[in-house]
Amino acid sequence: MIALKELLDYTNKLLDVHSFADYCPNGLQVEGRPRVERLVSGVTASLALVEAATAAGADALLVHHGWFWKGENACVTGMKRRRLQALLDADINLLAYHLPLDAHAEFGNNTRLAHILGLATQGRFGNDGGMLLGHYGELPRPLDAAAFCEHLEQTLGRAPQYIAGGEARAIRRVGWCTGAAQSYIEAAAELGLDGFISGEISEQTVHIAREAGIHYFAAGHHATERFGVCALGEHLAERFGIGHQFIDIDNPV
């Protein structure tokens, strides 16, 4: 068992949260009980995840997508009320880390995605508020688009939406940035990469891929961002001798 403050201080420092100008508060978003013996992690603090964490006996819930986003209605009504009520009734702490978890060199979403796909990071790109969140590197051997799609599907458990980038060249040099980072495709094309992986796709992404000659793979926002928060939860559990369980709430997007 660990004091909440000690857990929070360590995690905030580890992820360097004060270096990020984010769209939501990072760290403790909702306070629960003062000590943590069991930690549950998940991608998004949906009502389903809160209920699953409660059933698992969690003292703290660690997520990538938390609450209180900039520009949202601040009134605690409807869906927001139900989520908050469930969390408060269970006396569970909600810890959320957004951009700091995307960017971290060891536990970050982009680092962990590279690890699971067998990619070695050679550099970063895609300036976002002073942070280079996108990564690029090389596959161990060139693959055609069909083989690379199959690799993504087998690894992530979800078939990517694939947009061919003009000529049917082999894919060797690849860029990636998890979640809603489809706008990085132009920066990836400027680097001369063969392909770019992100979570989501927009209407204009199709035209950019075709005209810039870069293969694009929309591999799923949820599917690409499961690995960072899980790795962070495992690390915290090992460091502080507490229990940890990653709960994956299905999301096809």
C-alpha atoms as a PDB file:
ATOM      1  CA  MET A   1       0.000   0.000   0.000  1.00  0.00           C
ATOM      2  CA  ILE A   2       1.227   3.470  -0.878  1.00  0.00           C
ATOM      3  CA  ALA A   3       0.098   6.951   0.097  1.00  0.00           C
ATOM      4  CA  LEU A   4      -1.732   8.633  -2.752  1.00  0.00           C
ATOM      5  CA  LYS A   5       0.495  11.695  -2.492  1.00  0.00           C
ATOM      6  CA  GLU A   6       3.670   9.646  -2.861  1.00  0.00           C
ATOM      7  CA  LEU A   7       2.278   7.810  -5.888  1.00  0.00           C
ATOM      8  CA  LEU A   8       1.114  11.057  -7.457  1.00  0.00           C
ATOM      9  CA  ASP A   9       4.346  12.970  -6.799  1.00  0.00           C
ATOM     10  CA  TYR A  10       6.412  10.197  -8.340  1.00  0.00           C
ATOM     11  CA  THR A  11       4.231   9.815 -11.440  1.00  0.00           C
ATOM     12  CA  ASN A  12       3.989  13.565 -12.068  1.00  0.00           C
ATOM     13  CA  LYS A  13       7.756  13.856 -11.896  1.00  0.00           C
ATOM     14  CA  LEU A  14       8.332  10.747 -14.018  1.00  0.00           C
ATOM     15  CA  LEU A  15       6.108  12.086 -16.812  1.00  0.00           C
ATOM     16  CA  ASP A  16       7.291  15.701 -16.384  1.00  0.00           C
ATOM     17  CA  VAL A  17       3.699  16.928 -16.460  1.00  0.00           C
ATOM     18  CA  HIS A  18       4.560  20.586 -15.868  1.00  0.00           C
ATOM     19  CA  SER A  19       6.348  20.782 -19.235  1.00  0.00           C
ATOM     20  CA  PHE A  20       3.125  20.291 -21.192  1.00  0.00           C
ATOM     21  CA  ALA A  21       0.446  22.766 -22.211  1.00  0.00           C
ATOM     22  CA  ASP A  22      -2.366  20.233 -22.538  1.00  0.00           C
ATOM     23  CA  TYR A  23      -6.090  20.191 -23.287  1.00  0.00           C
ATOM     24  CA  CYS A  24      -6.942  18.748 -19.869  1.00  0.00           C
ATOM     25  CA  PRO A  25      -5.471  18.593 -16.353  1.00  0.00           C
ATOM     26  CA  ASN A  26      -2.752  15.957 -15.931  1.00  0.00           C
ATOM     27  CA  GLY A  27      -2.377  14.072 -12.673  1.00  0.00           C
ATOM     28  CA  LEU A  28      -5.057  13.721 -10.026  1.00  0.00           C
ATOM     29  CA  GLN A  29      -8.407  14.704 -11.556  1.00  0.00           C
ATOM     30  CA  VAL A  30     -10.733  13.339  -8.859  1.00  0.00           C
ATOM     31  CA  GLU A  31      -9.637  12.572  -5.296  1.00  0.00           C
ATOM     32  CA  GLY A  32     -10.633   9.344  -3.591  1.00  0.00           C
ATOM     33  CA  ARG A  33      -9.205   7.401  -0.660  1.00  0.00           C
ATOM     34  CA  PRO A  34      -5.802   8.538   0.683  1.00  0.00           C
ATOM     35  CA  ARG A  35      -3.941   5.238   0.195  1.00  0.00           C
ATOM     36  CA  VAL A  36      -3.595   2.959  -2.819  1.00  0.00           C
ATOM     37  CA  GLU A  37      -3.253  -0.810  -2.645  1.00  0.00           C
ATOM     38  CA  ARG A  38      -4.803  -1.750  -5.986  1.00  0.00           C
ATOM     39  CA  LEU A  39      -4.411   0.166  -9.229  1.00  0.00           C
ATOM     40  CA  VAL A  40      -6.533  -0.340 -12.348  1.00  0.00           C
ATOM     41  CA  SER A  41      -5.440   1.153 -15.680  1.00  0.00           C
ATOM     42  CA  GLY A  42      -7.360   1.681 -18.906  1.00  0.00           C
ATOM     43  CA  VAL A  43      -7.458   3.928 -21.945  1.00  0.00           C
ATOM     44  CA  THR A  44     -10.520   6.106 -21.297  1.00  0.00           C
ATOM     45  CA  ALA A  45     -12.386   6.945 -18.078  1.00  0.00           C
ATOM     46  CA  SER A  46     -15.753   5.863 -19.443  1.00  0.00           C
ATOM     47  CA  LEU A  47     -18.580   4.779 -17.152  1.00  0.00           C
ATOM     48  CA  ALA A  48     -17.891   1.165 -18.173  1.00  0.00           C
ATOM     49  CA  LEU A  49     -14.267   1.448 -17.032  1.00  0.00           C
ATOM     50  CA  VAL A  50     -15.223   3.131 -13.756  1.00  0.00           C
ATOM     51  CA  GLU A  51     -17.689   0.317 -13.059  1.00  0.00           C
ATOM     52  CA  ALA A  52     -15.122  -2.339 -13.978  1.00  0.00           C
ATOM     53  CA  ALA A  53     -12.508  -0.698 -11.723  1.00  0.00           C
ATOM     54  CA  THR A  54     -15.033  -0.658  -8.882  1.00  0.00           C
ATOM     55  CA  ALA A  55     -15.762  -4.367  -9.365  1.00  0.00           C
ATOM     56  CA  ALA A  56     -12.000  -5.040  -9.358  1.00  0.00           C
ATOM     57  CA  GLY A  57     -11.603  -3.314  -5.980  1.00  0.00           C
ATOM     58  CA  ALA A  58      -9.468  -0.445  -7.285  1.00  0.00           C
ATOM     59  CA  ASP A  59      -8.265   2.353  -5.052  1.00  0.00           C
ATOM     60  CA  ALA A  60      -7.062   4.337  -8.071  1.00  0.00           C
ATOM     61  CA  LEU A  61      -7.900   4.404 -11.765  1.00  0.00           C
ATOM     62  CA  LEU A  62      -5.085   5.386 -14.145  1.00  0.00           C
ATOM     63  CA  VAL A  63      -6.118   6.476 -17.660  1.00  0.00           C
ATOM     64  CA  HIS A  64      -4.852   8.220 -20.778  1.00  0.00           C
ATOM     65  CA  HIS A  65      -8.147   9.951 -21.587  1.00  0.00           C
ATOM     66  CA  GLY A  66      -9.563  11.495 -18.453  1.00  0.00           C
ATOM     67  CA  TRP A  67     -12.119  14.238 -17.901  1.00  0.00           C
ATOM     68  CA  PHE A  68     -12.455  18.050 -17.905  1.00  0.00           C
ATOM     69  CA  TRP A  69     -11.364  18.828 -21.454  1.00  0.00           C
ATOM     70  CA  LYS A  70     -10.957  22.414 -22.640  1.00  0.00           C
ATOM     71  CA  GLY A  71     -14.021  23.757 -24.392  1.00  0.00           C
ATOM     72  CA  GLU A  72     -16.469  21.193 -23.009  1.00  0.00           C
ATOM     73  CA  ASN A  73     -19.609  22.113 -21.086  1.00  0.00           C
ATOM     74  CA  ALA A  74     -18.585  22.499 -17.444  1.00  0.00           C
ATOM     75  CA  CYS A  75     -22.011  21.559 -16.048  1.00  0.00           C
ATOM     76  CA  VAL A  76     -22.096  18.246 -14.155  1.00  0.00           C
ATOM     77  CA  THR A  77     -25.202  16.794 -15.790  1.00  0.00           C
ATOM     78  CA  GLY A  78     -26.196  13.689 -17.727  1.00  0.00           C
ATOM     79  CA  MET A  79     -23.290  11.457 -18.721  1.00  0.00           C
ATOM     80  CA  LYS A  80     -20.749  13.533 -16.771  1.00  0.00           C
ATOM     81  CA  ARG A  81     -22.834  13.317 -13.604  1.00  0.00           C
ATOM     82  CA  ARG A  82     -23.222   9.525 -13.912  1.00  0.00           C
ATOM     83  CA  ARG A  83     -19.511   8.996 -14.413  1.00  0.00           C
ATOM     84  CA  LEU A  84     -18.541  11.266 -11.531  1.00  0.00           C
ATOM     85  CA  GLN A  85     -21.201   9.825  -9.214  1.00  0.00           C
ATOM     86  CA  ALA A  86     -19.971   6.282  -9.839  1.00  0.00           C
ATOM     87  CA  LEU A  87     -16.368   7.277  -9.121  1.00  0.00           C
ATOM     88  CA  LEU A  88     -17.207   9.223  -5.955  1.00  0.00           C
ATOM     89  CA  ASP A  89     -19.499   6.477  -4.642  1.00  0.00           C
ATOM     90  CA  ALA A  90     -16.617   4.007  -4.984  1.00  0.00           C
ATOM     91  CA  ASP A  91     -14.117   6.456  -3.417  1.00  0.00           C
ATOM     92  CA  ILE A  92     -11.663   5.803  -6.273  1.00  0.00           C
ATOM     93  CA  ASN A  93      -8.930   8.254  -7.291  1.00  0.00           C
ATOM     94  CA  LEU A  94      -8.811   9.209 -10.975  1.00  0.00           C
ATOM     95  CA  LEU A  95      -5.328   9.838 -12.383  1.00  0.00           C
ATOM     96  CA  ALA A  96      -5.109  10.917 -16.023  1.00  0.00           C
ATOM     97  CA  TYR A  97      -2.092  11.613 -18.233  1.00  0.00           C
ATOM     98  CA  HIS A  98      -2.649  12.760 -21.803  1.00  0.00           C
ATOM     99  CA  LEU A  99       0.216  14.369 -23.762  1.00  0.00           C
ATOM    100  CA  PRO A 100       2.820  13.469 -21.104  1.00  0.00           C
ATOM    101  CA  LEU A 101       1.967   9.808 -21.658  1.00  0.00           C
ATOM    102  CA  ASP A 102       2.076  10.175 -25.448  1.00  0.00           C
ATOM    103  CA  ALA A 103       5.554  11.679 -25.287  1.00  0.00           C
ATOM    104  CA  HIS A 104       7.382   9.690 -22.588  1.00  0.00           C
ATOM    105  CA  ALA A 105      10.547   7.980 -23.841  1.00  0.00           C
ATOM    106  CA  GLU A 106       9.951   4.715 -21.953  1.00  0.00           C
ATOM    107  CA  PHE A 107       6.252   4.398 -21.115  1.00  0.00           C
ATOM    108  CA  GLY A 108       4.820   6.665 -23.813  1.00  0.00           C
ATOM    109  CA  ASN A 109       2.198   5.455 -26.271  1.00  0.00           C
ATOM    110  CA  ASN A 110       4.483   6.002 -29.250  1.00  0.00           C
ATOM    111  CA  THR A 111       7.410   4.210 -27.647  1.00  0.00           C
ATOM    112  CA  ARG A 112       5.268   1.252 -26.614  1.00  0.00           C
ATOM    113  CA  LEU A 113       3.587   1.033 -30.030  1.00  0.00           C
ATOM    114  CA  ALA A 114       7.023   0.903 -31.651  1.00  0.00           C
ATOM    115  CA  HIS A 115       8.041  -1.885 -29.291  1.00  0.00           C
ATOM    116  CA  ILE A 116       5.023  -4.050 -30.030  1.00  0.00           C
ATOM    117  CA  LEU A 117       5.314  -3.497 -33.799  1.00  0.00           C
ATOM    118  CA  GLY A 118       9.042  -4.261 -33.830  1.00  0.00           C
ATOM    119  CA  LEU A 119      10.073  -0.755 -34.886  1.00  0.00           C
ATOM    120  CA  ALA A 120      13.215   1.031 -33.724  1.00  0.00           C
ATOM    121  CA  THR A 121      12.872   4.798 -33.242  1.00  0.00           C
ATOM    122  CA  GLN A 122      15.491   6.717 -35.190  1.00  0.00           C
ATOM    123  CA  GLY A 123      14.086  10.200 -34.634  1.00  0.00           C
ATOM    124  CA  ARG A 124      11.065  12.357 -33.855  1.00  0.00           C
ATOM    125  CA  PHE A 125       9.002  14.820 -35.876  1.00  0.00           C
ATOM    126  CA  GLY A 126       5.716  16.747 -35.923  1.00  0.00           C
ATOM    127  CA  ASN A 127       6.100  19.834 -33.736  1.00  0.00           C
ATOM    128  CA  ASP A 128       3.015  20.145 -31.500  1.00  0.00           C
ATOM    129  CA  GLY A 129       3.324  23.033 -29.052  1.00  0.00           C
ATOM    130  CA  GLY A 130       7.079  22.537 -28.824  1.00  0.00           C
ATOM    131  CA  MET A 131       6.821  18.746 -28.426  1.00  0.00           C
ATOM    132  CA  LEU A 132       7.922  16.310 -31.136  1.00  0.00           C
ATOM    133  CA  LEU A 133       5.330  13.596 -30.580  1.00  0.00           C
ATOM    134  CA  GLY A 134       5.736  11.674 -33.854  1.00  0.00           C
ATOM    135  CA  HIS A 135       8.383   8.949 -34.230  1.00  0.00           C
ATOM    136  CA  TYR A 136      10.017   7.412 -37.283  1.00  0.00           C
ATOM    137  CA  GLY A 137      12.236   4.421 -37.951  1.00  0.00           C
ATOM    138  CA  GLU A 138      12.765   1.395 -40.152  1.00  0.00           C
ATOM    139  CA  LEU A 139      11.249  -2.041 -40.401  1.00  0.00           C
ATOM    140  CA  PRO A 140      13.688  -4.943 -40.054  1.00  0.00           C
ATOM    141  CA  ARG A 141      12.890  -5.776 -43.702  1.00  0.00           C
ATOM    142  CA  PRO A 142      10.753  -4.124 -46.394  1.00  0.00           C
ATOM    143  CA  LEU A 143       7.099  -5.189 -46.611  1.00  0.00           C
ATOM    144  CA  ASP A 144       4.475  -4.553 -49.226  1.00  0.00           C
ATOM    145  CA  ALA A 145       1.301  -2.785 -48.115  1.00  0.00           C
ATOM    146  CA  ALA A 146      -0.765  -5.965 -47.798  1.00  0.00           C
ATOM    147  CA  ALA A 147       1.845  -7.627 -45.574  1.00  0.00           C
ATOM    148  CA  PHE A 148       2.165  -4.507 -43.436  1.00  0.00           C
ATOM    149  CA  CYS A 149      -1.621  -4.302 -43.004  1.00  0.00           C
ATOM    150  CA  GLU A 150      -1.599  -7.933 -41.911  1.00  0.00           C
ATOM    151  CA  HIS A 151       1.192  -7.213 -39.419  1.00  0.00           C
ATOM    152  CA  LEU A 152      -0.815  -4.345 -37.920  1.00  0.00           C
ATOM    153  CA  GLU A 153      -3.980  -6.431 -37.696  1.00  0.00           C
ATOM    154  CA  GLN A 154      -2.251  -9.388 -36.044  1.00  0.00           C
ATOM    155  CA  THR A 155      -0.438  -7.154 -33.569  1.00  0.00           C
ATOM    156  CA  LEU A 156      -3.239  -4.734 -32.663  1.00  0.00           C
ATOM    157  CA  GLY A 157      -6.240  -7.016 -33.118  1.00  0.00           C
ATOM    158  CA  ARG A 158      -7.858  -4.593 -35.548  1.00  0.00           C
ATOM    159  CA  ALA A 159      -7.650  -4.302 -39.331  1.00  0.00           C
ATOM    160  CA  PRO A 160      -6.309  -0.841 -40.254  1.00  0.00           C
ATOM    161  CA  GLN A 161      -7.952   1.412 -42.791  1.00  0.00           C
ATOM    162  CA  TYR A 162      -5.350   1.630 -45.533  1.00  0.00           C
ATOM    163  CA  ILE A 163      -4.923   4.437 -48.058  1.00  0.00           C
ATOM    164  CA  ALA A 164      -2.433   3.734 -50.825  1.00  0.00           C
ATOM    165  CA  GLY A 165       0.141   6.448 -51.364  1.00  0.00           C
ATOM    166  CA  GLY A 166       0.391   6.450 -55.112  1.00  0.00           C
ATOM    167  CA  GLU A 167       2.920   3.984 -56.508  1.00  0.00           C
ATOM    168  CA  ALA A 168       3.030   0.516 -54.964  1.00  0.00           C
ATOM    169  CA  ARG A 169       6.488   0.845 -53.450  1.00  0.00           C
ATOM    170  CA  ALA A 170       7.654  -1.343 -50.576  1.00  0.00           C
ATOM    171  CA  ILE A 171       7.401   0.002 -47.037  1.00  0.00           C
ATOM    172  CA  ARG A 172      10.662   0.304 -45.123  1.00  0.00           C
ATOM    173  CA  ARG A 173      10.852   3.742 -43.483  1.00  0.00           C
ATOM    174  CA  VAL A 174       7.774   4.360 -41.333  1.00  0.00           C
ATOM    175  CA  GLY A 175       6.463   7.170 -39.131  1.00  0.00           C
ATOM    176  CA  TRP A 176       3.886   6.779 -36.392  1.00  0.00           C
ATOM    177  CA  CYS A 177       1.961   8.819 -33.848  1.00  0.00           C
ATOM    178  CA  THR A 178      -0.878   7.281 -31.874  1.00  0.00           C
ATOM    179  CA  GLY A 179      -4.399   8.609 -31.466  1.00  0.00           C
ATOM    180  CA  ALA A 180      -5.726  11.571 -33.444  1.00  0.00           C
ATOM    181  CA  ALA A 181      -2.445  12.519 -35.133  1.00  0.00           C
ATOM    182  CA  GLN A 182      -3.479  12.156 -38.764  1.00  0.00           C
ATOM    183  CA  SER A 183      -2.440  15.760 -39.410  1.00  0.00           C
ATOM    184  CA  TYR A 184       1.201  14.669 -38.998  1.00  0.00           C
ATOM    185  CA  ILE A 185       1.029  12.934 -42.374  1.00  0.00           C
ATOM    186  CA  GLU A 186       2.381  15.963 -44.229  1.00  0.00           C
ATOM    187  CA  ALA A 187       5.432  16.152 -41.948  1.00  0.00           C
ATOM    188  CA  ALA A 188       5.929  12.412 -42.443  1.00  0.00           C
ATOM    189  CA  ALA A 189       5.795  12.856 -46.222  1.00  0.00           C
ATOM    190  CA  GLU A 190       8.338  15.691 -46.057  1.00  0.00           C
ATOM    191  CA  LEU A 191      10.734  13.276 -44.329  1.00  0.00           C
ATOM    192  CA  GLY A 192      10.447  10.968 -47.317  1.00  0.00           C
ATOM    193  CA  LEU A 193       8.872   8.150 -45.313  1.00  0.00           C
ATOM    194  CA  ASP A 194       7.195   5.278 -47.114  1.00  0.00           C
ATOM    195  CA  GLY A 195       4.301   5.007 -44.678  1.00  0.00           C
ATOM    196  CA  PHE A 196       2.652   6.672 -41.696  1.00  0.00           C
ATOM    197  CA  ILE A 197       0.576   5.077 -38.915  1.00  0.00           C
ATOM    198  CA  SER A 198      -1.854   6.910 -36.684  1.00  0.00           C
ATOM    199  CA  GLY A 199      -5.085   6.147 -34.907  1.00  0.00           C
ATOM    200  CA  GLU A 200      -7.683   8.129 -36.839  1.00  0.00           C
ATOM    201  CA  ILE A 201      -8.305   9.355 -40.355  1.00  0.00           C
ATOM    202  CA  SER A 202      -9.891  12.560 -41.705  1.00  0.00           C
ATOM    203  CA  GLU A 203     -11.377  13.326 -45.109  1.00  0.00           C
ATOM    204  CA  GLN A 204      -8.327  15.287 -46.201  1.00  0.00           C
ATOM    205  CA  THR A 205      -5.921  12.546 -45.079  1.00  0.00           C
ATOM    206  CA  VAL A 206      -6.913  10.456 -48.103  1.00  0.00           C
ATOM    207  CA  HIS A 207      -6.003  13.164 -50.598  1.00  0.00           C
ATOM    208  CA  ILE A 208      -2.742  14.018 -48.844  1.00  0.00           C
ATOM    209  CA  ALA A 209      -1.643  10.368 -48.839  1.00  0.00           C
ATOM    210  CA  ARG A 210      -2.410   9.963 -52.528  1.00  0.00           C
ATOM    211  CA  GLU A 211      -0.883  13.245 -53.664  1.00  0.00           C
ATOM    212  CA  ALA A 212       2.174  13.160 -51.383  1.00  0.00           C
ATOM    213  CA  GLY A 213       2.877   9.522 -52.218  1.00  0.00           C
ATOM    214  CA  ILE A 214       2.887   8.142 -48.677  1.00  0.00           C
ATOM    215  CA  HIS A 215       0.987   5.045 -47.546  1.00  0.00           C
ATOM    216  CA  TYR A 216      -1.367   5.784 -44.640  1.00  0.00           C
ATOM    217  CA  PHE A 217      -2.630   3.336 -42.030  1.00  0.00           C
ATOM    218  CA  ALA A 218      -5.429   4.368 -39.641  1.00  0.00           C
ATOM    219  CA  ALA A 219      -4.899   1.661 -37.021  1.00  0.00           C
ATOM    220  CA  GLY A 220      -7.452   2.863 -34.438  1.00  0.00           C
ATOM    221  CA  HIS A 221      -7.293   5.540 -31.757  1.00  0.00           C
ATOM    222  CA  HIS A 222      -8.049   3.085 -28.963  1.00  0.00           C
ATOM    223  CA  ALA A 223      -6.012   0.249 -30.455  1.00  0.00           C
ATOM    224  CA  THR A 224      -2.835   2.334 -30.733  1.00  0.00           C
ATOM    225  CA  GLU A 225      -3.117   3.834 -27.239  1.00  0.00           C
ATOM    226  CA  ARG A 226      -3.577   0.764 -25.035  1.00  0.00           C
ATOM    227  CA  PHE A 227       0.080   0.081 -24.434  1.00  0.00           C
ATOM    228  CA  GLY A 228       1.419   3.199 -22.702  1.00  0.00           C
ATOM    229  CA  VAL A 229      -1.017   3.312 -19.799  1.00  0.00           C
ATOM    230  CA  CYS A 230      -0.667  -0.443 -19.285  1.00  0.00           C
ATOM    231  CA  ALA A 231       3.134  -0.208 -19.188  1.00  0.00           C
ATOM    232  CA  LEU A 232       2.968   2.731 -16.780  1.00  0.00           C
ATOM    233  CA  GLY A 233       0.575   0.852 -14.503  1.00  0.00           C
ATOM    234  CA  GLU A 234       2.878  -2.173 -14.451  1.00  0.00           C
ATOM    235  CA  HIS A 235       5.839   0.044 -13.617  1.00  0.00           C
ATOM    236  CA  LEU A 236       4.043   1.751 -10.733  1.00  0.00           C
ATOM    237  CA  ALA A 237       2.869  -1.592  -9.364  1.00  0.00           C
ATOM    238  CA  GLU A 238       6.403  -2.989  -9.396  1.00  0.00           C
ATOM    239  CA  ARG A 239       7.976   0.120  -7.887  1.00  0.00           C
ATOM    240  CA  PHE A 240       5.503   0.486  -5.028  1.00  0.00           C
ATOM    241  CA  GLY A 241       4.528  -3.137  -4.450  1.00  0.00           C
ATOM    242  CA  ILE A 242       0.851  -2.650  -5.224  1.00  0.00           C
ATOM    243  CA  GLY A 243      -1.590  -4.658  -7.333  1.00  0.00           C
ATOM    244  CA  HIS A 244      -2.299  -3.689 -10.914  1.00  0.00           C
ATOM    245  CA  GLN A 245      -4.817  -4.757 -13.561  1.00  0.00           C
ATOM    246  CA  PHE A 246      -5.223  -3.362 -17.063  1.00  0.00           C
ATOM    247  CA  ILE A 247      -8.869  -3.417 -18.166  1.00  0.00           C
ATOM    248  CA  ASP A 248      -9.502  -3.053 -21.886  1.00  0.00           C
ATOM    249  CA  ILE A 249     -12.977  -1.691 -22.625  1.00  0.00           C
ATOM    250  CA  ASP A 250     -13.672  -2.554 -26.251  1.00  0.00           C
ATOM    251  CA  ASN A 251     -13.732   0.410 -28.631  1.00  0.00           C
ATOM    252  CA  PRO A 252     -13.671  -0.149 -32.410  1.00  0.00           C
ATOM    253  CA  VAL A 253     -12.640   3.420 -33.248  1.00  0.00           C
END
